[in-house]
Amino acid sequence: IGHLRTMTSGRGQFSMEFSHYLPCPQNVAEQVIAEVAERKKKAG
């Protein structure tokens, strides 16, 4: 919402709702898996 307001001088609006699940691209998946591993390591 912050980006949209900046781009449209405060006049843009948006709404969203859940639609469906789709496969993650490889680079996104790798990043998510790394974050999960990091969280587990911290939790010890």
PDB file of all heavy atoms in Angstrom:
ATOM      1  N   ILE A   1       0.835  -1.207   0.000  1.00  0.00           N
ATOM      2  CA  ILE A   1       0.000   0.000   0.000  1.00  0.00           C
ATOM      3  C   ILE A   1       0.872   1.260   0.000  1.00  0.00           C
ATOM      4  O   ILE A   1       0.579   2.237  -0.687  1.00  0.00           O
ATOM      5  CB  ILE A   1      -1.006   0.007   1.184  1.00  0.00           C
ATOM      6  CG1 ILE A   1      -1.996   1.159   1.069  1.00  0.00           C
ATOM      7  CG2 ILE A   1      -0.356   0.004   2.539  1.00  0.00           C
ATOM      8  CD1 ILE A   1      -2.972   1.061  -0.066  1.00  0.00           C
ATOM      9  N   GLY A   2       2.011   1.215   0.738  1.00  0.00           N
ATOM     10  CA  GLY A   2       2.907   2.386   0.771  1.00  0.00           C
ATOM     11  C   GLY A   2       3.481   2.697  -0.602  1.00  0.00           C
ATOM     12  O   GLY A   2       3.477   3.846  -1.059  1.00  0.00           O
ATOM     13  N   HIS A   3       3.954   1.643  -1.301  1.00  0.00           N
ATOM     14  CA  HIS A   3       4.508   1.826  -2.653  1.00  0.00           C
ATOM     15  C   HIS A   3       3.451   2.370  -3.599  1.00  0.00           C
ATOM     16  O   HIS A   3       3.704   3.269  -4.391  1.00  0.00           O
ATOM     17  CB  HIS A   3       4.986   0.473  -3.214  1.00  0.00           C
ATOM     18  CG  HIS A   3       6.271   0.022  -2.619  1.00  0.00           C
ATOM     19  ND1 HIS A   3       7.494   0.469  -3.082  1.00  0.00           N
ATOM     20  CD2 HIS A   3       6.535  -0.810  -1.588  1.00  0.00           C
ATOM     21  CE1 HIS A   3       8.453  -0.083  -2.352  1.00  0.00           C
ATOM     22  NE2 HIS A   3       7.901  -0.866  -1.443  1.00  0.00           N
ATOM     23  N   LEU A   4       2.243   1.796  -3.498  1.00  0.00           N
ATOM     24  CA  LEU A   4       1.174   2.195  -4.423  1.00  0.00           C
ATOM     25  C   LEU A   4       0.835   3.667  -4.215  1.00  0.00           C
ATOM     26  O   LEU A   4       0.682   4.429  -5.169  1.00  0.00           O
ATOM     27  CB  LEU A   4      -0.074   1.320  -4.177  1.00  0.00           C
ATOM     28  CG  LEU A   4      -1.270   1.607  -5.072  1.00  0.00           C
ATOM     29  CD1 LEU A   4      -0.947   1.288  -6.526  1.00  0.00           C
ATOM     30  CD2 LEU A   4      -2.490   0.806  -4.633  1.00  0.00           C
ATOM     31  N   ARG A   5       0.780   4.081  -2.952  1.00  0.00           N
ATOM     32  CA  ARG A   5       0.432   5.489  -2.683  1.00  0.00           C
ATOM     33  C   ARG A   5       1.515   6.423  -3.213  1.00  0.00           C
ATOM     34  O   ARG A   5       1.232   7.484  -3.749  1.00  0.00           O
ATOM     35  CB  ARG A   5       0.237   5.699  -1.178  1.00  0.00           C
ATOM     36  CG  ARG A   5      -1.045   5.048  -0.709  1.00  0.00           C
ATOM     37  CD  ARG A   5      -1.498   5.561   0.631  1.00  0.00           C
ATOM     38  NE  ARG A   5      -2.786   4.957   0.948  1.00  0.00           N
ATOM     39  CZ  ARG A   5      -3.068   4.374   2.091  1.00  0.00           C
ATOM     40  NH1 ARG A   5      -2.150   4.303   3.020  1.00  0.00           N
ATOM     41  NH2 ARG A   5      -4.254   3.866   2.312  1.00  0.00           N
ATOM     42  N   THR A   6       2.774   5.998  -3.062  1.00  0.00           N
ATOM     43  CA  THR A   6       3.868   6.835  -3.556  1.00  0.00           C
ATOM     44  C   THR A   6       3.777   6.958  -5.085  1.00  0.00           C
ATOM     45  O   THR A   6       3.889   8.048  -5.643  1.00  0.00           O
ATOM     46  CB  THR A   6       5.230   6.200  -3.188  1.00  0.00           C
ATOM     47  OG1 THR A   6       5.182   5.860  -1.804  1.00  0.00           O
ATOM     48  CG2 THR A   6       6.376   7.152  -3.429  1.00  0.00           C
ATOM     49  N   MET A   7       3.553   5.810  -5.758  1.00  0.00           N
ATOM     50  CA  MET A   7       3.495   5.813  -7.237  1.00  0.00           C
ATOM     51  C   MET A   7       2.337   6.635  -7.781  1.00  0.00           C
ATOM     52  O   MET A   7       2.431   7.219  -8.846  1.00  0.00           O
ATOM     53  CB  MET A   7       3.307   4.374  -7.751  1.00  0.00           C
ATOM     54  CG  MET A   7       4.568   3.570  -7.838  1.00  0.00           C
ATOM     55  SD  MET A   7       4.231   1.991  -8.637  1.00  0.00           S
ATOM     56  CE  MET A   7       3.056   1.225  -7.565  1.00  0.00           C
ATOM     57  N   THR A   8       1.211   6.646  -7.030  1.00  0.00           N
ATOM     58  CA  THR A   8      -0.003   7.261  -7.591  1.00  0.00           C
ATOM     59  C   THR A   8      -0.351   8.559  -6.877  1.00  0.00           C
ATOM     60  O   THR A   8      -1.495   8.993  -6.901  1.00  0.00           O
ATOM     61  CB  THR A   8      -1.201   6.296  -7.446  1.00  0.00           C
ATOM     62  OG1 THR A   8      -1.359   5.991  -6.049  1.00  0.00           O
ATOM     63  CG2 THR A   8      -0.997   5.001  -8.196  1.00  0.00           C
ATOM     64  N   SER A   9       0.619   9.173  -6.214  1.00  0.00           N
ATOM     65  CA  SER A   9       0.411  10.413  -5.448  1.00  0.00           C
ATOM     66  C   SER A   9      -0.760  10.268  -4.482  1.00  0.00           C
ATOM     67  O   SER A   9      -1.612  11.151  -4.365  1.00  0.00           O
ATOM     68  CB  SER A   9       0.140  11.601  -6.379  1.00  0.00           C
ATOM     69  OG  SER A   9       0.911  11.510  -7.537  1.00  0.00           O
ATOM     70  N   GLY A  10      -0.851   9.108  -3.851  1.00  0.00           N
ATOM     71  CA  GLY A  10      -1.875   8.920  -2.818  1.00  0.00           C
ATOM     72  C   GLY A  10      -3.260   8.556  -3.319  1.00  0.00           C
ATOM     73  O   GLY A  10      -4.186   8.447  -2.536  1.00  0.00           O
ATOM     74  N   ARG A  11      -3.416   8.389  -4.667  1.00  0.00           N
ATOM     75  CA  ARG A  11      -4.786   8.161  -5.160  1.00  0.00           C
ATOM     76  C   ARG A  11      -5.090   6.692  -5.451  1.00  0.00           C
ATOM     77  O   ARG A  11      -6.224   6.339  -5.746  1.00  0.00           O
ATOM     78  CB  ARG A  11      -5.021   9.008  -6.413  1.00  0.00           C
ATOM     79  CG  ARG A  11      -5.131  10.486  -6.077  1.00  0.00           C
ATOM     80  CD  ARG A  11      -4.766  11.376  -7.246  1.00  0.00           C
ATOM     81  NE  ARG A  11      -5.686  11.221  -8.359  1.00  0.00           N
ATOM     82  CZ  ARG A  11      -5.377  11.488  -9.628  1.00  0.00           C
ATOM     83  NH1 ARG A  11      -4.151  11.880  -9.919  1.00  0.00           N
ATOM     84  NH2 ARG A  11      -6.262  11.341 -10.578  1.00  0.00           N
ATOM     85  N   GLY A  12      -4.061   5.820  -5.386  1.00  0.00           N
ATOM     86  CA  GLY A  12      -4.301   4.403  -5.694  1.00  0.00           C
ATOM     87  C   GLY A  12      -4.918   3.654  -4.522  1.00  0.00           C
ATOM     88  O   GLY A  12      -4.732   4.024  -3.370  1.00  0.00           O
ATOM     89  N   GLN A  13      -5.676   2.609  -4.847  1.00  0.00           N
ATOM     90  CA  GLN A  13      -6.229   1.733  -3.799  1.00  0.00           C
ATOM     91  C   GLN A  13      -6.072   0.303  -4.262  1.00  0.00           C
ATOM     92  O   GLN A  13      -5.998   0.058  -5.461  1.00  0.00           O
ATOM     93  CB  GLN A  13      -7.731   1.953  -3.649  1.00  0.00           C
ATOM     94  CG  GLN A  13      -8.139   3.247  -3.019  1.00  0.00           C
ATOM     95  CD  GLN A  13      -9.664   3.356  -3.040  1.00  0.00           C
ATOM     96  OE1 GLN A  13     -10.336   2.827  -3.901  1.00  0.00           O
ATOM     97  NE2 GLN A  13     -10.190   4.062  -2.063  1.00  0.00           N
ATOM     98  N   PHE A  14      -6.051  -0.648  -3.316  1.00  0.00           N
ATOM     99  CA  PHE A  14      -6.030  -2.036  -3.785  1.00  0.00           C
ATOM    100  C   PHE A  14      -6.693  -2.941  -2.764  1.00  0.00           C
ATOM    101  O   PHE A  14      -6.852  -2.575  -1.602  1.00  0.00           O
ATOM    102  CB  PHE A  14      -4.586  -2.494  -4.047  1.00  0.00           C
ATOM    103  CG  PHE A  14      -3.885  -3.081  -2.860  1.00  0.00           C
ATOM    104  CD1 PHE A  14      -3.681  -4.445  -2.759  1.00  0.00           C
ATOM    105  CD2 PHE A  14      -3.437  -2.280  -1.825  1.00  0.00           C
ATOM    106  CE1 PHE A  14      -3.033  -4.986  -1.661  1.00  0.00           C
ATOM    107  CE2 PHE A  14      -2.792  -2.809  -0.719  1.00  0.00           C
ATOM    108  CZ  PHE A  14      -2.591  -4.180  -0.646  1.00  0.00           C
ATOM    109  N   SER A  15      -7.109  -4.110  -3.225  1.00  0.00           N
ATOM    110  CA  SER A  15      -7.583  -5.118  -2.277  1.00  0.00           C
ATOM    111  C   SER A  15      -7.065  -6.453  -2.780  1.00  0.00           C
ATOM    112  O   SER A  15      -6.796  -6.606  -3.971  1.00  0.00           O
ATOM    113  CB  SER A  15      -9.104  -5.123  -2.190  1.00  0.00           C
ATOM    114  OG  SER A  15      -9.640  -5.777  -3.307  1.00  0.00           O
ATOM    115  N   MET A  16      -6.896  -7.407  -1.874  1.00  0.00           N
ATOM    116  CA  MET A  16      -6.442  -8.727  -2.343  1.00  0.00           C
ATOM    117  C   MET A  16      -7.047  -9.819  -1.482  1.00  0.00           C
ATOM    118  O   MET A  16      -7.373  -9.599  -0.319  1.00  0.00           O
ATOM    119  CB  MET A  16      -4.921  -8.821  -2.340  1.00  0.00           C
ATOM    120  CG  MET A  16      -4.263  -8.792  -1.003  1.00  0.00           C
ATOM    121  SD  MET A  16      -2.478  -9.055  -1.196  1.00  0.00           S
ATOM    122  CE  MET A  16      -1.963  -9.029   0.503  1.00  0.00           C
ATOM    123  N   GLU A  17      -7.227 -10.986  -2.088  1.00  0.00           N
ATOM    124  CA  GLU A  17      -7.672 -12.145  -1.309  1.00  0.00           C
ATOM    125  C   GLU A  17      -6.986 -13.388  -1.863  1.00  0.00           C
ATOM    126  O   GLU A  17      -6.556 -13.420  -3.014  1.00  0.00           O
ATOM    127  CB  GLU A  17      -9.189 -12.278  -1.344  1.00  0.00           C
ATOM    128  CG  GLU A  17      -9.773 -12.437  -2.715  1.00  0.00           C
ATOM    129  CD  GLU A  17     -11.303 -12.497  -2.679  1.00  0.00           C
ATOM    130  OE1 GLU A  17     -11.834 -13.216  -1.833  1.00  0.00           O
ATOM    131  OE2 GLU A  17     -11.928 -11.825  -3.501  1.00  0.00           O
ATOM    132  N   PHE A  18      -6.911 -14.416  -1.029  1.00  0.00           N
ATOM    133  CA  PHE A  18      -6.211 -15.641  -1.407  1.00  0.00           C
ATOM    134  C   PHE A  18      -6.893 -16.294  -2.598  1.00  0.00           C
ATOM    135  O   PHE A  18      -8.104 -16.366  -2.683  1.00  0.00           O
ATOM    136  CB  PHE A  18      -6.195 -16.606  -0.219  1.00  0.00           C
ATOM    137  CG  PHE A  18      -5.682 -17.980  -0.586  1.00  0.00           C
ATOM    138  CD1 PHE A  18      -4.349 -18.171  -0.913  1.00  0.00           C
ATOM    139  CD2 PHE A  18      -6.535 -19.069  -0.640  1.00  0.00           C
ATOM    140  CE1 PHE A  18      -3.875 -19.418  -1.267  1.00  0.00           C
ATOM    141  CE2 PHE A  18      -6.072 -20.330  -0.991  1.00  0.00           C
ATOM    142  CZ  PHE A  18      -4.736 -20.507  -1.311  1.00  0.00           C
ATOM    143  N   SER A  19      -6.094 -16.786  -3.568  1.00  0.00           N
ATOM    144  CA  SER A  19      -6.669 -17.448  -4.741  1.00  0.00           C
ATOM    145  C   SER A  19      -6.280 -18.928  -4.783  1.00  0.00           C
ATOM    146  O   SER A  19      -7.118 -19.803  -4.730  1.00  0.00           O
ATOM    147  CB  SER A  19      -6.204 -16.714  -6.000  1.00  0.00           C
ATOM    148  OG  SER A  19      -6.601 -17.399  -7.143  1.00  0.00           O
ATOM    149  N   HIS A  20      -4.982 -19.234  -4.878  1.00  0.00           N
ATOM    150  CA  HIS A  20      -4.569 -20.649  -5.001  1.00  0.00           C
ATOM    151  C   HIS A  20      -3.071 -20.772  -4.699  1.00  0.00           C
ATOM    152  O   HIS A  20      -2.400 -19.767  -4.470  1.00  0.00           O
ATOM    153  CB  HIS A  20      -4.849 -21.160  -6.423  1.00  0.00           C
ATOM    154  CG  HIS A  20      -4.205 -20.334  -7.496  1.00  0.00           C
ATOM    155  ND1 HIS A  20      -4.760 -19.152  -7.957  1.00  0.00           N
ATOM    156  CD2 HIS A  20      -3.045 -20.483  -8.193  1.00  0.00           C
ATOM    157  CE1 HIS A  20      -3.964 -18.624  -8.894  1.00  0.00           C
ATOM    158  NE2 HIS A  20      -2.922 -19.394  -9.033  1.00  0.00           N
ATOM    159  N   TYR A  21      -2.558 -21.986  -4.701  1.00  0.00           N
ATOM    160  CA  TYR A  21      -1.119 -22.207  -4.495  1.00  0.00           C
ATOM    161  C   TYR A  21      -0.455 -22.535  -5.828  1.00  0.00           C
ATOM    162  O   TYR A  21      -1.040 -23.201  -6.675  1.00  0.00           O
ATOM    163  CB  TYR A  21      -0.894 -23.384  -3.537  1.00  0.00           C
ATOM    164  CG  TYR A  21      -0.986 -23.001  -2.084  1.00  0.00           C
ATOM    165  CD1 TYR A  21      -2.160 -23.155  -1.363  1.00  0.00           C
ATOM    166  CD2 TYR A  21       0.120 -22.467  -1.420  1.00  0.00           C
ATOM    167  CE1 TYR A  21      -2.236 -22.799  -0.025  1.00  0.00           C
ATOM    168  CE2 TYR A  21       0.051 -22.111  -0.087  1.00  0.00           C
ATOM    169  CZ  TYR A  21      -1.132 -22.274   0.605  1.00  0.00           C
ATOM    170  OH  TYR A  21      -1.194 -21.908   1.934  1.00  0.00           O
ATOM    171  N   LEU A  22       0.796 -22.061  -6.013  1.00  0.00           N
ATOM    172  CA  LEU A  22       1.580 -22.392  -7.214  1.00  0.00           C
ATOM    173  C   LEU A  22       3.019 -22.684  -6.792  1.00  0.00           C
ATOM    174  O   LEU A  22       3.493 -22.178  -5.765  1.00  0.00           O
ATOM    175  CB  LEU A  22       1.597 -21.199  -8.185  1.00  0.00           C
ATOM    176  CG  LEU A  22       0.424 -21.055  -9.165  1.00  0.00           C
ATOM    177  CD1 LEU A  22       0.705 -19.888 -10.098  1.00  0.00           C
ATOM    178  CD2 LEU A  22       0.199 -22.322  -9.987  1.00  0.00           C
ATOM    179  N   PRO A  23       3.752 -23.479  -7.592  1.00  0.00           N
ATOM    180  CA  PRO A  23       5.151 -23.769  -7.246  1.00  0.00           C
ATOM    181  C   PRO A  23       5.999 -22.499  -7.163  1.00  0.00           C
ATOM    182  O   PRO A  23       5.833 -21.583  -7.965  1.00  0.00           O
ATOM    183  CB  PRO A  23       5.622 -24.652  -8.408  1.00  0.00           C
ATOM    184  CG  PRO A  23       4.378 -25.229  -8.992  1.00  0.00           C
ATOM    185  CD  PRO A  23       3.308 -24.206  -8.789  1.00  0.00           C
ATOM    186  N   CYS A  24       6.926 -22.478  -6.189  1.00  0.00           N
ATOM    187  CA  CYS A  24       7.865 -21.356  -6.059  1.00  0.00           C
ATOM    188  C   CYS A  24       8.969 -21.494  -7.101  1.00  0.00           C
ATOM    189  O   CYS A  24       9.450 -22.606  -7.334  1.00  0.00           O
ATOM    190  CB  CYS A  24       8.588 -21.425  -4.713  1.00  0.00           C
ATOM    191  SG  CYS A  24       7.613 -20.924  -3.347  1.00  0.00           S
ATOM    192  N   PRO A  25       9.449 -20.386  -7.668  1.00  0.00           N
ATOM    193  CA  PRO A  25      10.663 -20.460  -8.500  1.00  0.00           C
ATOM    194  C   PRO A  25      11.844 -20.942  -7.649  1.00  0.00           C
ATOM    195  O   PRO A  25      11.856 -20.722  -6.436  1.00  0.00           O
ATOM    196  CB  PRO A  25      10.886 -19.012  -8.950  1.00  0.00           C
ATOM    197  CG  PRO A  25       9.623 -18.289  -8.645  1.00  0.00           C
ATOM    198  CD  PRO A  25       8.905 -19.032  -7.568  1.00  0.00           C
ATOM    199  N   GLN A  26      12.811 -21.561  -8.298  1.00  0.00           N
ATOM    200  CA  GLN A  26      13.953 -22.174  -7.606  1.00  0.00           C
ATOM    201  C   GLN A  26      14.645 -21.211  -6.640  1.00  0.00           C
ATOM    202  O   GLN A  26      14.903 -21.549  -5.493  1.00  0.00           O
ATOM    203  CB  GLN A  26      14.960 -22.697  -8.657  1.00  0.00           C
ATOM    204  CG  GLN A  26      16.053 -23.605  -8.088  1.00  0.00           C
ATOM    205  CD  GLN A  26      15.501 -24.852  -7.399  1.00  0.00           C
ATOM    206  OE1 GLN A  26      14.512 -25.418  -7.846  1.00  0.00           O
ATOM    207  NE2 GLN A  26      16.126 -25.268  -6.297  1.00  0.00           N
ATOM    208  N   ASN A  27      14.926 -19.980  -7.124  1.00  0.00           N
ATOM    209  CA  ASN A  27      15.686 -19.035  -6.283  1.00  0.00           C
ATOM    210  C   ASN A  27      14.908 -18.659  -5.015  1.00  0.00           C
ATOM    211  O   ASN A  27      15.476 -18.513  -3.930  1.00  0.00           O
ATOM    212  CB  ASN A  27      16.074 -17.777  -7.076  1.00  0.00           C
ATOM    213  CG  ASN A  27      14.862 -17.042  -7.616  1.00  0.00           C
ATOM    214  OD1 ASN A  27      13.817 -17.645  -7.859  1.00  0.00           O
ATOM    215  ND2 ASN A  27      14.985 -15.742  -7.801  1.00  0.00           N
ATOM    216  N   VAL A  28      13.563 -18.512  -5.159  1.00  0.00           N
ATOM    217  CA  VAL A  28      12.739 -18.171  -3.992  1.00  0.00           C
ATOM    218  C   VAL A  28      12.743 -19.346  -3.013  1.00  0.00           C
ATOM    219  O   VAL A  28      12.915 -19.178  -1.806  1.00  0.00           O
ATOM    220  CB  VAL A  28      11.288 -17.842  -4.421  1.00  0.00           C
ATOM    221  CG1 VAL A  28      10.412 -17.586  -3.202  1.00  0.00           C
ATOM    222  CG2 VAL A  28      11.274 -16.625  -5.342  1.00  0.00           C
ATOM    223  N   ALA A  29      12.569 -20.565  -3.554  1.00  0.00           N
ATOM    224  CA  ALA A  29      12.531 -21.762  -2.701  1.00  0.00           C
ATOM    225  C   ALA A  29      13.824 -21.889  -1.903  1.00  0.00           C
ATOM    226  O   ALA A  29      13.805 -22.154  -0.694  1.00  0.00           O
ATOM    227  CB  ALA A  29      12.301 -23.004  -3.560  1.00  0.00           C
ATOM    228  N   GLU A  30      14.966 -21.673  -2.579  1.00  0.00           N
ATOM    229  CA  GLU A  30      16.261 -21.805  -1.890  1.00  0.00           C
ATOM    230  C   GLU A  30      16.369 -20.819  -0.732  1.00  0.00           C
ATOM    231  O   GLU A  30      16.841 -21.150   0.353  1.00  0.00           O
ATOM    232  CB  GLU A  30      17.411 -21.598  -2.888  1.00  0.00           C
ATOM    233  CG  GLU A  30      17.641 -22.852  -3.743  1.00  0.00           C
ATOM    234  CD  GLU A  30      18.539 -22.566  -4.955  1.00  0.00           C
ATOM    235  OE1 GLU A  30      19.089 -21.446  -5.057  1.00  0.00           O
ATOM    236  OE2 GLU A  30      18.672 -23.472  -5.801  1.00  0.00           O
ATOM    237  N   GLN A  31      15.895 -19.591  -1.000  1.00  0.00           N
ATOM    238  CA  GLN A  31      15.967 -18.547   0.031  1.00  0.00           C
ATOM    239  C   GLN A  31      15.092 -18.917   1.248  1.00  0.00           C
ATOM    240  O   GLN A  31      15.508 -18.786   2.405  1.00  0.00           O
ATOM    241  CB  GLN A  31      15.477 -17.226  -0.572  1.00  0.00           C
ATOM    242  CG  GLN A  31      15.823 -16.028   0.291  1.00  0.00           C
ATOM    243  CD  GLN A  31      15.246 -14.749  -0.314  1.00  0.00           C
ATOM    244  OE1 GLN A  31      14.931 -14.690  -1.502  1.00  0.00           O
ATOM    245  NE2 GLN A  31      15.098 -13.734   0.513  1.00  0.00           N
ATOM    246  N   VAL A  32      13.870 -19.410   0.969  1.00  0.00           N
ATOM    247  CA  VAL A  32      12.944 -19.783   2.057  1.00  0.00           C
ATOM    248  C   VAL A  32      13.546 -20.915   2.888  1.00  0.00           C
ATOM    249  O   VAL A  32      13.538 -20.884   4.124  1.00  0.00           O
ATOM    250  CB  VAL A  32      11.571 -20.219   1.486  1.00  0.00           C
ATOM    251  CG1 VAL A  32      10.674 -20.778   2.594  1.00  0.00           C
ATOM    252  CG2 VAL A  32      10.882 -19.035   0.805  1.00  0.00           C
ATOM    253  N   ILE A  33      14.105 -21.919   2.201  1.00  0.00           N
ATOM    254  CA  ILE A  33      14.685 -23.078   2.905  1.00  0.00           C
ATOM    255  C   ILE A  33      15.852 -22.617   3.790  1.00  0.00           C
ATOM    256  O   ILE A  33      15.996 -23.050   4.937  1.00  0.00           O
ATOM    257  CB  ILE A  33      15.138 -24.155   1.887  1.00  0.00           C
ATOM    258  CG1 ILE A  33      13.896 -24.741   1.198  1.00  0.00           C
ATOM    259  CG2 ILE A  33      15.920 -25.271   2.572  1.00  0.00           C
ATOM    260  CD1 ILE A  33      14.176 -25.517  -0.075  1.00  0.00           C
ATOM    261  N   ALA A  34      16.662 -21.691   3.245  1.00  0.00           N
ATOM    262  CA  ALA A  34      17.798 -21.172   4.020  1.00  0.00           C
ATOM    263  C   ALA A  34      17.307 -20.430   5.267  1.00  0.00           C
ATOM    264  O   ALA A  34      17.864 -20.575   6.362  1.00  0.00           O
ATOM    265  CB  ALA A  34      18.634 -20.237   3.143  1.00  0.00           C
ATOM    266  N   GLU A  35      16.222 -19.634   5.101  1.00  0.00           N
ATOM    267  CA  GLU A  35      15.680 -18.875   6.251  1.00  0.00           C
ATOM    268  C   GLU A  35      15.181 -19.825   7.348  1.00  0.00           C
ATOM    269  O   GLU A  35      15.380 -19.589   8.537  1.00  0.00           O
ATOM    270  CB  GLU A  35      14.526 -17.964   5.800  1.00  0.00           C
ATOM    271  CG  GLU A  35      15.001 -16.669   5.155  1.00  0.00           C
ATOM    272  CD  GLU A  35      13.846 -15.846   4.584  1.00  0.00           C
ATOM    273  OE1 GLU A  35      12.680 -16.144   4.898  1.00  0.00           O
ATOM    274  OE2 GLU A  35      14.124 -14.906   3.818  1.00  0.00           O
ATOM    275  N   VAL A  36      14.506 -20.899   6.914  1.00  0.00           N
ATOM    276  CA  VAL A  36      13.975 -21.864   7.889  1.00  0.00           C
ATOM    277  C   VAL A  36      15.136 -22.513   8.654  1.00  0.00           C
ATOM    278  O   VAL A  36      15.102 -22.647   9.884  1.00  0.00           O
ATOM    279  CB  VAL A  36      13.120 -22.947   7.179  1.00  0.00           C
ATOM    280  CG1 VAL A  36      12.767 -24.074   8.136  1.00  0.00           C
ATOM    281  CG2 VAL A  36      11.838 -22.321   6.632  1.00  0.00           C
ATOM    282  N   ALA A  37      16.186 -22.891   7.908  1.00  0.00           N
ATOM    283  CA  ALA A  37      17.350 -23.530   8.538  1.00  0.00           C
ATOM    284  C   ALA A  37      17.980 -22.575   9.563  1.00  0.00           C
ATOM    285  O   ALA A  37      18.353 -22.978  10.676  1.00  0.00           O
ATOM    286  CB  ALA A  37      18.361 -23.921   7.466  1.00  0.00           C
ATOM    287  N   GLU A  38      18.060 -21.302   9.181  1.00  0.00           N
ATOM    288  CA  GLU A  38      18.649 -20.276  10.054  1.00  0.00           C
ATOM    289  C   GLU A  38      17.842 -20.147  11.359  1.00  0.00           C
ATOM    290  O   GLU A  38      18.391 -20.087  12.453  1.00  0.00           O
ATOM    291  CB  GLU A  38      18.656 -18.936   9.288  1.00  0.00           C
ATOM    292  CG  GLU A  38      19.268 -17.768  10.044  1.00  0.00           C
ATOM    293  CD  GLU A  38      20.777 -17.954  10.305  1.00  0.00           C
ATOM    294  OE1 GLU A  38      21.460 -18.673   9.524  1.00  0.00           O
ATOM    295  OE2 GLU A  38      21.244 -17.389  11.293  1.00  0.00           O
ATOM    296  N   ARG A  39      16.474 -20.121  11.188  1.00  0.00           N
ATOM    297  CA  ARG A  39      15.595 -19.999  12.370  1.00  0.00           C
ATOM    298  C   ARG A  39      15.791 -21.186  13.308  1.00  0.00           C
ATOM    299  O   ARG A  39      15.826 -21.042  14.522  1.00  0.00           O
ATOM    300  CB  ARG A  39      14.119 -19.906  11.933  1.00  0.00           C
ATOM    301  CG  ARG A  39      13.685 -18.496  11.552  1.00  0.00           C
ATOM    302  CD  ARG A  39      12.234 -18.215  11.950  1.00  0.00           C
ATOM    303  NE  ARG A  39      11.276 -19.107  11.294  1.00  0.00           N
ATOM    304  CZ  ARG A  39      10.828 -18.922  10.060  1.00  0.00           C
ATOM    305  NH1 ARG A  39      11.251 -17.895   9.357  1.00  0.00           N
ATOM    306  NH2 ARG A  39       9.953 -19.757   9.520  1.00  0.00           N
ATOM    307  N   LYS A  40      15.903 -22.389  12.721  1.00  0.00           N
ATOM    308  CA  LYS A  40      16.046 -23.596  13.553  1.00  0.00           C
ATOM    309  C   LYS A  40      17.375 -23.565  14.316  1.00  0.00           C
ATOM    310  O   LYS A  40      17.471 -23.966  15.467  1.00  0.00           O
ATOM    311  CB  LYS A  40      15.966 -24.849  12.680  1.00  0.00           C
ATOM    312  CG  LYS A  40      14.525 -25.155  12.280  1.00  0.00           C
ATOM    313  CD  LYS A  40      14.371 -26.523  11.653  1.00  0.00           C
ATOM    314  CE  LYS A  40      12.885 -26.833  11.482  1.00  0.00           C
ATOM    315  NZ  LYS A  40      12.605 -27.724  10.408  1.00  0.00           N
ATOM    316  N   LYS A  41      18.402 -23.049  13.598  1.00  0.00           N
ATOM    317  CA  LYS A  41      19.734 -23.004  14.212  1.00  0.00           C
ATOM    318  C   LYS A  41      19.711 -22.065  15.427  1.00  0.00           C
ATOM    319  O   LYS A  41      20.232 -22.385  16.496  1.00  0.00           O
ATOM    320  CB  LYS A  41      20.743 -22.507  13.167  1.00  0.00           C
ATOM    321  CG  LYS A  41      22.183 -22.907  13.488  1.00  0.00           C
ATOM    322  CD  LYS A  41      23.097 -22.697  12.297  1.00  0.00           C
ATOM    323  CE  LYS A  41      23.929 -21.440  12.502  1.00  0.00           C
ATOM    324  NZ  LYS A  41      24.688 -21.039  11.328  1.00  0.00           N
ATOM    325  N   LYS A  42      19.035 -20.896  15.212  1.00  0.00           N
ATOM    326  CA  LYS A  42      18.935 -19.926  16.305  1.00  0.00           C
ATOM    327  C   LYS A  42      18.207 -20.523  17.501  1.00  0.00           C
ATOM    328  O   LYS A  42      18.572 -20.325  18.655  1.00  0.00           O
ATOM    329  CB  LYS A  42      18.140 -18.700  15.823  1.00  0.00           C
ATOM    330  CG  LYS A  42      19.018 -17.568  15.350  1.00  0.00           C
ATOM    331  CD  LYS A  42      18.189 -16.307  15.236  1.00  0.00           C
ATOM    332  CE  LYS A  42      18.922 -15.256  14.408  1.00  0.00           C
ATOM    333  NZ  LYS A  42      17.997 -14.380  13.719  1.00  0.00           N
ATOM    334  N   ALA A  43      17.114 -21.249  17.195  1.00  0.00           N
ATOM    335  CA  ALA A  43      16.304 -21.834  18.272  1.00  0.00           C
ATOM    336  C   ALA A  43      17.092 -22.920  19.008  1.00  0.00           C
ATOM    337  O   ALA A  43      16.732 -23.333  20.109  1.00  0.00           O
ATOM    338  CB  ALA A  43      15.010 -22.400  17.709  1.00  0.00           C
ATOM    339  N   GLY A  44      18.156 -23.396  18.324  1.00  0.00           N
ATOM    340  CA  GLY A  44      19.084 -24.340  18.956  1.00  0.00           C
ATOM    341  C   GLY A  44      18.506 -25.724  19.127  1.00  0.00           C
ATOM    342  O   GLY A  44      18.867 -26.447  20.016  1.00  0.00           O
TER     343      GLY A  44
END
